[in-house]
């Protein structure tokens, strides 16, 4: 179970909110991608420490197929 609050950084997204889900075994990250540019690689870095071990993952903010619109939805990753 993860109880530490993750640190989230992005090159463009705002309103980043990490939330523990699945009884603390996963984290859902919601964000607003309105300021992300479609021609650039847009990302969110999520990191936290568990018993002295640093976990880090970079998530690419995807674009909608056949458009320049960026998805604006929660991303999730599991910490098992």
Protein backbone atom coordinates (compact mmCIF):
# COMPACT_ATOMS: atom_id res chain seq x y z
CA UNK A 1 0.00 0.00 0.00
CA UNK A 2 1.23 3.50 -0.91
CA UNK A 3 0.50 6.35 1.49
CA UNK A 4 3.12 8.87 0.33
CA UNK A 5 1.87 11.82 -1.67
CA UNK A 6 3.43 11.80 -5.15
CA UNK A 7 5.17 14.82 -6.61
CA UNK A 8 3.92 15.72 -10.11
CA UNK A 9 5.58 18.02 -12.64
CA UNK A 10 4.72 18.77 -16.25
CA UNK A 11 6.09 20.79 -19.12
CA UNK A 12 2.59 22.05 -19.97
CA UNK A 13 -0.29 20.52 -17.95
CA UNK A 14 -1.93 22.40 -15.10
CA UNK A 15 -4.27 21.45 -12.28
CA UNK A 16 -2.39 18.18 -11.68
CA UNK A 17 -4.06 16.20 -8.89
CA UNK A 18 -2.74 12.77 -7.79
CA UNK A 19 -5.26 10.56 -5.94
CA UNK A 20 -4.73 7.16 -4.29
CA UNK A 21 -7.07 4.46 -5.65
CA UNK A 22 -7.45 0.68 -5.31
CA UNK A 23 -7.01 0.84 -1.53
CA UNK A 24 -3.69 2.63 -1.93
CA UNK A 25 -2.14 0.26 -4.50
CA UNK A 26 -2.44 2.68 -7.44
CA UNK A 27 -2.46 6.39 -8.11
CA UNK A 28 -4.75 8.24 -10.52
CA UNK A 29 -3.43 11.52 -11.91
CA UNK A 30 -5.88 14.03 -13.35
CA UNK A 31 -4.77 17.12 -15.24
CA UNK A 32 -5.75 19.92 -17.64
CA UNK A 33 -3.91 19.79 -20.98
CA UNK A 34 -5.38 23.01 -22.42
CA UNK A 35 -1.96 24.74 -22.48
CA UNK A 36 -0.12 21.79 -24.08
CA UNK A 37 1.05 22.28 -27.66
CA UNK A 38 0.09 19.56 -30.17
CA UNK A 39 3.45 19.72 -32.00
CA UNK A 40 5.52 19.03 -28.88
CA UNK A 41 6.05 16.02 -26.64
CA UNK A 42 3.90 16.82 -23.62
CA UNK A 43 4.49 14.92 -20.39
CA UNK A 44 3.82 14.58 -16.68
CA UNK A 45 6.53 13.27 -14.34
CA UNK A 46 5.26 11.44 -11.25
CA UNK A 47 7.65 10.53 -8.43
CA UNK A 48 7.42 9.41 -4.82
CA UNK A 49 9.44 7.64 -2.14
CA UNK A 50 8.46 4.36 -0.55
CA UNK A 51 10.65 3.19 2.34
CA UNK A 52 13.58 5.20 1.00
CA UNK A 53 13.22 4.00 -2.59
CA UNK A 54 12.44 6.64 -5.21
CA UNK A 55 9.91 5.66 -7.86
CA UNK A 56 9.64 7.79 -11.01
CA UNK A 57 7.60 7.52 -14.19
CA UNK A 58 7.12 9.91 -17.13
CA UNK A 59 3.75 9.78 -18.85
CA UNK A 60 3.27 11.22 -22.32
CA UNK A 61 0.03 13.17 -22.73
CA UNK A 62 -1.58 11.59 -25.82
CA UNK A 63 -3.24 13.37 -28.74
CA UNK A 64 -6.61 12.37 -30.13
CA UNK A 65 -6.31 10.29 -33.33
CA UNK A 66 -6.38 12.31 -36.59
CA UNK A 67 -6.58 15.68 -34.81
CA UNK A 68 -4.27 18.08 -33.07
CA UNK A 69 -6.41 18.00 -29.92
CA UNK A 70 -4.79 16.72 -26.75
CA UNK A 71 -6.59 14.34 -24.46
CA UNK A 72 -7.64 15.84 -21.15
CA UNK A 73 -8.36 12.87 -18.89
CA UNK A 74 -7.02 10.95 -15.91
CA UNK A 75 -3.94 8.82 -16.38
CA UNK A 76 -3.33 5.91 -14.02
CA UNK A 77 -0.38 3.79 -13.09
CA UNK A 78 -0.24 0.89 -10.69
CA UNK A 79 2.31 0.48 -7.92
CA UNK A 80 2.33 -3.25 -7.20
